[in-house]
Amino acid sequence: LILGRPLGGQRTADILALARALRDINGPRRPVVVAALRGMTVPALFAAALEPAIGRLYLAGGLSTFRSIAENENYTHSLADFVPGILAHTDLPEVAAALAPRRAIFAAMVDGKGDPLSLADARRVYKPALAGGHLEIREKAEWSAAGLARIIRS
């Protein structure tokens, strides 16, 4: 807890405020694109689930599931994004499924220990979200100006 509130919630609120400001500046017809790296991927996913103005989402190197933290004694992922009691209600794959029909790309996901998830494992874990056709899972992340520009245009 930071200042009495979970840090993940504060980060999500910041992303929401920025997305809403961009929507107000650019108008509702231009979707906001959010790209997040590693520790910011969970707040970005929650913000996208809460804000329809976020039309596209690119997450690179992010946590695959909260469950992977709970199931591992030796986890490395920061608990800053973990919401107490969330697994009784949902996990990140279900949040991703709720983004439909908006497009999302998840690249180079990791488990709670920080180990890379294989493409096959990521697709298995995110199978319900993939069925919606809006989610793409990639094994490798791109995090360069040129790579992000390609993703935004796609």
Foldseek 3Di string as FASTA:
>chain_A
DPPPDQLLVVLLVVVLVVLVVCCVVVDQVDAAEEEDEELSQLSVLVNLLVDVSHQEYEYEAYELKPVLQVVDPQFDRDCSNPDPPCVVPDMSLVSLLSNPPRAYEYEQHAYRNSHTDDPVRSCVSNVNSVVRVRYHYYHHDDDDPVVVVVVVVD
